[in-house]
Amino acid sequence: MKDVGEVVAISSLHLFQGDMDLPPLSFHASLEEQWDEKEEPEEIETVLKVVPPAYHQYLDVFSKVKAEKPPPHRTCDHHIKLEGLLPPVGVIYSLSNQ
């Protein structure tokens, strides 16, 4: 069994001032699996009726609950840096149909 460090409570003021000698520590916790919403039985029955039997192995693709959630975070994620939070105010030009 690995040696597990002691859990210590520290205020943010002391942490940022560097008053304590703490070893570097990082961890990642995900609650996605625990908070995963379950499908309603009525919705599953509706999907089974609409989707052809040949595609029943791919029923998770037709899940409304999963479709409304953003994709999971991956190592290739990147930030899009925006100058301002709102687009600049300007004239809206009409476009021709040609």
N, C-alpha and C. Protein backbone atom coordinates (compact mmCIF):
# COMPACT_ATOMS: atom_id res chain seq x y z
N MET A 1 0.84 -1.18 0.00
CA MET A 1 0.00 0.00 0.00
C MET A 1 0.88 1.24 0.00
N LYS A 2 0.51 2.22 -0.81
CA LYS A 2 1.29 3.45 -0.89
C LYS A 2 1.09 4.28 0.37
N ASP A 3 2.12 5.06 0.68
CA ASP A 3 2.04 5.96 1.82
C ASP A 3 1.16 7.15 1.44
N VAL A 4 0.10 7.36 2.17
CA VAL A 4 -0.83 8.45 1.89
C VAL A 4 -0.51 9.59 2.84
N GLY A 5 -0.39 10.80 2.28
CA GLY A 5 -0.07 11.97 3.09
C GLY A 5 -1.21 12.35 4.01
N GLU A 6 -0.89 13.19 4.97
CA GLU A 6 -1.88 13.65 5.93
C GLU A 6 -2.70 14.78 5.30
N VAL A 7 -4.00 14.76 5.50
CA VAL A 7 -4.86 15.81 4.99
C VAL A 7 -4.84 16.95 6.00
N VAL A 8 -4.58 18.17 5.49
CA VAL A 8 -4.43 19.33 6.36
C VAL A 8 -5.38 20.42 5.89
N ALA A 9 -6.02 21.09 6.84
CA ALA A 9 -6.85 22.25 6.51
C ALA A 9 -5.98 23.49 6.57
N ILE A 10 -6.07 24.32 5.55
CA ILE A 10 -5.26 25.53 5.50
C ILE A 10 -6.11 26.64 4.87
N SER A 11 -6.01 27.83 5.40
CA SER A 11 -6.76 28.94 4.83
C SER A 11 -6.10 29.39 3.54
N SER A 12 -6.89 29.98 2.66
CA SER A 12 -6.34 30.44 1.39
C SER A 12 -5.31 31.56 1.60
N LEU A 13 -5.49 32.37 2.63
CA LEU A 13 -4.54 33.45 2.92
C LEU A 13 -3.16 32.88 3.23
N HIS A 14 -3.10 31.88 4.12
CA HIS A 14 -1.82 31.27 4.46
C HIS A 14 -1.23 30.50 3.28
N LEU A 15 -2.09 29.90 2.49
CA LEU A 15 -1.60 29.15 1.34
C LEU A 15 -0.92 30.07 0.34
N PHE A 16 -1.55 31.19 0.01
CA PHE A 16 -0.99 32.11 -0.98
C PHE A 16 0.18 32.92 -0.43
N GLN A 17 0.24 33.12 0.87
CA GLN A 17 1.38 33.82 1.44
C GLN A 17 2.58 32.90 1.58
N GLY A 18 2.36 31.62 1.48
CA GLY A 18 3.45 30.66 1.58
C GLY A 18 3.95 30.48 3.00
N ASP A 19 3.05 30.65 3.98
CA ASP A 19 3.44 30.52 5.38
C ASP A 19 3.77 29.08 5.77
N MET A 20 3.28 28.12 5.01
CA MET A 20 3.50 26.72 5.38
C MET A 20 4.33 26.04 4.30
N ASP A 21 5.19 25.14 4.71
CA ASP A 21 5.94 24.32 3.76
C ASP A 21 5.11 23.10 3.43
N LEU A 22 4.51 23.13 2.26
CA LEU A 22 3.69 22.00 1.82
C LEU A 22 4.31 21.41 0.57
N PRO A 23 4.37 20.10 0.50
CA PRO A 23 4.88 19.48 -0.73
C PRO A 23 3.88 19.72 -1.86
N PRO A 24 4.37 19.78 -3.11
CA PRO A 24 3.44 19.96 -4.23
C PRO A 24 2.48 18.78 -4.31
N LEU A 25 1.25 19.09 -4.56
CA LEU A 25 0.22 18.05 -4.59
C LEU A 25 -0.78 18.40 -5.67
N SER A 26 -1.16 17.44 -6.45
CA SER A 26 -2.23 17.66 -7.41
C SER A 26 -3.04 16.37 -7.49
N PHE A 27 -4.30 16.54 -7.80
CA PHE A 27 -5.17 15.38 -7.97
C PHE A 27 -6.30 15.78 -8.90
N HIS A 28 -6.98 14.79 -9.40
CA HIS A 28 -8.11 15.01 -10.29
C HIS A 28 -9.27 14.18 -9.78
N ALA A 29 -10.41 14.81 -9.63
CA ALA A 29 -11.60 14.10 -9.19
C ALA A 29 -12.72 14.35 -10.19
N SER A 30 -13.46 13.34 -10.51
CA SER A 30 -14.58 13.48 -11.44
C SER A 30 -15.82 12.87 -10.83
N LEU A 31 -16.89 13.63 -10.85
CA LEU A 31 -18.16 13.14 -10.33
C LEU A 31 -19.13 12.85 -11.47
N GLU A 32 -18.62 12.82 -12.69
CA GLU A 32 -19.48 12.64 -13.85
C GLU A 32 -20.27 11.33 -13.76
N GLU A 33 -19.60 10.26 -13.36
CA GLU A 33 -20.27 8.97 -13.30
C GLU A 33 -21.33 8.95 -12.21
N GLN A 34 -21.06 9.57 -11.07
CA GLN A 34 -22.02 9.57 -9.98
C GLN A 34 -23.24 10.43 -10.30
N TRP A 35 -23.04 11.51 -11.06
CA TRP A 35 -24.14 12.42 -11.35
C TRP A 35 -24.81 12.12 -12.67
N ASP A 36 -24.44 11.04 -13.31
CA ASP A 36 -25.00 10.71 -14.61
C ASP A 36 -26.50 10.48 -14.47
N GLU A 37 -27.27 11.27 -15.21
CA GLU A 37 -28.71 11.15 -15.12
C GLU A 37 -29.15 9.89 -15.85
N LYS A 38 -30.16 9.26 -15.31
CA LYS A 38 -30.66 8.03 -15.91
C LYS A 38 -31.79 8.34 -16.86
N GLU A 39 -31.93 7.50 -17.86
CA GLU A 39 -33.00 7.65 -18.84
C GLU A 39 -34.34 7.26 -18.21
N GLU A 40 -35.38 7.91 -18.65
CA GLU A 40 -36.72 7.55 -18.22
C GLU A 40 -37.15 6.30 -18.99
N PRO A 41 -37.85 5.38 -18.33
CA PRO A 41 -38.29 4.16 -19.03
C PRO A 41 -39.16 4.45 -20.25
N GLU A 42 -40.00 5.50 -20.17
CA GLU A 42 -40.86 5.83 -21.31
C GLU A 42 -40.01 6.25 -22.51
N GLU A 43 -38.94 7.00 -22.24
CA GLU A 43 -38.07 7.46 -23.33
C GLU A 43 -37.37 6.27 -23.99
N ILE A 44 -36.93 5.32 -23.19
CA ILE A 44 -36.26 4.13 -23.74
C ILE A 44 -37.21 3.35 -24.63
N GLU A 45 -38.47 3.20 -24.18
CA GLU A 45 -39.46 2.48 -24.99
C GLU A 45 -39.72 3.21 -26.30
N THR A 46 -39.79 4.54 -26.25
CA THR A 46 -40.02 5.32 -27.47
C THR A 46 -38.87 5.15 -28.45
N VAL A 47 -37.65 5.20 -27.94
CA VAL A 47 -36.47 5.03 -28.81
C VAL A 47 -36.46 3.63 -29.41
N LEU A 48 -36.82 2.62 -28.63
CA LEU A 48 -36.84 1.25 -29.14
C LEU A 48 -37.85 1.11 -30.28
N LYS A 49 -38.97 1.82 -30.19
CA LYS A 49 -39.99 1.75 -31.24
C LYS A 49 -39.54 2.47 -32.51
N VAL A 50 -38.83 3.59 -32.37
CA VAL A 50 -38.46 4.42 -33.51
C VAL A 50 -37.21 3.89 -34.23
N VAL A 51 -36.24 3.42 -33.47
CA VAL A 51 -34.97 2.97 -34.05
C VAL A 51 -35.13 1.55 -34.58
N PRO A 52 -34.70 1.30 -35.81
CA PRO A 52 -34.79 -0.06 -36.37
C PRO A 52 -33.97 -1.05 -35.53
N PRO A 53 -34.41 -2.31 -35.46
CA PRO A 53 -33.70 -3.32 -34.65
C PRO A 53 -32.23 -3.49 -35.02
N ALA A 54 -31.87 -3.24 -36.27
CA ALA A 54 -30.47 -3.39 -36.68
C ALA A 54 -29.56 -2.40 -35.96
N TYR A 55 -30.13 -1.30 -35.46
CA TYR A 55 -29.34 -0.26 -34.80
C TYR A 55 -29.51 -0.25 -33.28
N HIS A 56 -30.14 -1.26 -32.71
CA HIS A 56 -30.36 -1.30 -31.26
C HIS A 56 -29.05 -1.39 -30.48
N GLN A 57 -27.99 -1.88 -31.10
CA GLN A 57 -26.70 -1.92 -30.39
C GLN A 57 -26.12 -0.53 -30.21
N TYR A 58 -26.64 0.46 -30.95
CA TYR A 58 -26.17 1.84 -30.86
C TYR A 58 -27.19 2.76 -30.18
N LEU A 59 -28.02 2.21 -29.29
CA LEU A 59 -29.07 3.02 -28.67
C LEU A 59 -28.53 4.18 -27.84
N ASP A 60 -27.32 4.06 -27.31
CA ASP A 60 -26.77 5.16 -26.51
C ASP A 60 -26.56 6.41 -27.36
N VAL A 61 -26.42 6.26 -28.68
CA VAL A 61 -26.26 7.41 -29.56
C VAL A 61 -27.56 8.21 -29.64
N PHE A 62 -28.70 7.55 -29.45
CA PHE A 62 -30.00 8.20 -29.55
C PHE A 62 -30.51 8.71 -28.21
N SER A 63 -29.69 8.70 -27.20
CA SER A 63 -30.10 9.14 -25.87
C SER A 63 -30.26 10.65 -25.81
N LYS A 64 -31.43 11.12 -25.39
CA LYS A 64 -31.67 12.56 -25.28
C LYS A 64 -30.86 13.15 -24.13
N VAL A 65 -30.72 12.42 -23.03
CA VAL A 65 -29.96 12.89 -21.87
C VAL A 65 -28.49 13.09 -22.26
N LYS A 66 -27.90 12.14 -22.95
CA LYS A 66 -26.50 12.25 -23.36
C LYS A 66 -26.30 13.31 -24.44
N ALA A 67 -27.31 13.52 -25.29
CA ALA A 67 -27.20 14.52 -26.35
C ALA A 67 -27.19 15.93 -25.79
N GLU A 68 -27.83 16.15 -24.65
CA GLU A 68 -27.90 17.49 -24.06
C GLU A 68 -26.65 17.84 -23.27
N LYS A 69 -25.82 16.86 -22.95
CA LYS A 69 -24.60 17.10 -22.18
C LYS A 69 -23.45 17.45 -23.12
N PRO A 70 -22.52 18.30 -22.67
CA PRO A 70 -21.34 18.58 -23.50
C PRO A 70 -20.43 17.35 -23.55
N PRO A 71 -19.56 17.28 -24.54
CA PRO A 71 -18.65 16.14 -24.61
C PRO A 71 -17.70 16.13 -23.42
N PRO A 72 -17.18 14.97 -23.05
CA PRO A 72 -16.25 14.91 -21.91
C PRO A 72 -14.94 15.63 -22.22
N HIS A 73 -14.27 16.10 -21.19
CA HIS A 73 -12.98 16.77 -21.37
C HIS A 73 -11.92 15.74 -21.78
N ARG A 74 -11.04 16.17 -22.68
CA ARG A 74 -9.98 15.30 -23.16
C ARG A 74 -8.65 16.03 -23.08
N THR A 75 -7.57 15.30 -23.30
CA THR A 75 -6.24 15.90 -23.22
C THR A 75 -5.99 16.90 -24.33
N CYS A 76 -6.73 16.82 -25.43
CA CYS A 76 -6.52 17.74 -26.54
C CYS A 76 -7.39 18.99 -26.43
N ASP A 77 -8.11 19.19 -25.34
CA ASP A 77 -8.92 20.40 -25.16
C ASP A 77 -8.03 21.63 -25.15
N HIS A 78 -8.56 22.74 -25.62
CA HIS A 78 -7.81 23.99 -25.60
C HIS A 78 -8.76 25.14 -25.29
N HIS A 79 -8.20 26.24 -24.85
CA HIS A 79 -8.99 27.42 -24.51
C HIS A 79 -9.09 28.33 -25.73
N ILE A 80 -10.24 28.96 -25.88
CA ILE A 80 -10.41 29.97 -26.91
C ILE A 80 -10.44 31.30 -26.18
N LYS A 81 -9.40 32.08 -26.38
CA LYS A 81 -9.28 33.35 -25.66
C LYS A 81 -10.04 34.43 -26.44
N LEU A 82 -10.97 35.08 -25.76
CA LEU A 82 -11.75 36.15 -26.36
C LEU A 82 -11.33 37.48 -25.79
N GLU A 83 -11.29 38.49 -26.64
CA GLU A 83 -10.91 39.83 -26.19
C GLU A 83 -11.93 40.36 -25.19
N GLY A 84 -13.19 40.27 -25.50
CA GLY A 84 -14.26 40.71 -24.62
C GLY A 84 -15.31 39.62 -24.52
N LEU A 85 -16.17 39.74 -23.55
CA LEU A 85 -17.19 38.71 -23.40
C LEU A 85 -18.34 38.88 -24.38
N LEU A 86 -18.57 40.12 -24.83
CA LEU A 86 -19.66 40.38 -25.76
C LEU A 86 -19.09 40.83 -27.10
N PRO A 87 -19.77 40.50 -28.20
CA PRO A 87 -19.29 40.98 -29.49
C PRO A 87 -19.43 42.50 -29.57
N PRO A 88 -18.60 43.15 -30.37
CA PRO A 88 -18.69 44.61 -30.46
C PRO A 88 -20.02 45.04 -31.07
N VAL A 89 -20.50 46.19 -30.65
CA VAL A 89 -21.74 46.73 -31.18
C VAL A 89 -21.43 47.39 -32.51
N GLY A 90 -22.21 47.08 -33.52
CA GLY A 90 -21.98 47.66 -34.83
C GLY A 90 -23.21 47.56 -35.69
N VAL A 91 -23.11 48.08 -36.88
CA VAL A 91 -24.22 48.07 -37.82
C VAL A 91 -24.38 46.67 -38.39
N ILE A 92 -25.62 46.23 -38.52
CA ILE A 92 -25.90 44.94 -39.13
C ILE A 92 -26.19 45.20 -40.61
N TYR A 93 -25.37 44.66 -41.48
CA TYR A 93 -25.52 44.87 -42.91
C TYR A 93 -26.40 43.78 -43.49
N SER A 94 -27.28 44.18 -44.41
CA SER A 94 -28.13 43.19 -45.05
C SER A 94 -27.32 42.45 -46.12
N LEU A 95 -27.64 41.20 -46.31
CA LEU A 95 -26.95 40.38 -47.30
C LEU A 95 -27.89 40.09 -48.46
N SER A 96 -27.36 40.07 -49.67
CA SER A 96 -28.20 39.77 -50.83
C SER A 96 -28.36 38.26 -50.94
N ASN A 97 -29.37 37.84 -51.67
CA ASN A 97 -29.63 36.42 -51.88
C ASN A 97 -28.78 35.83 -52.99
N GLN A 98 -28.00 36.65 -53.68
CA GLN A 98 -27.24 36.19 -54.85
C GLN A 98 -25.94 35.57 -54.44
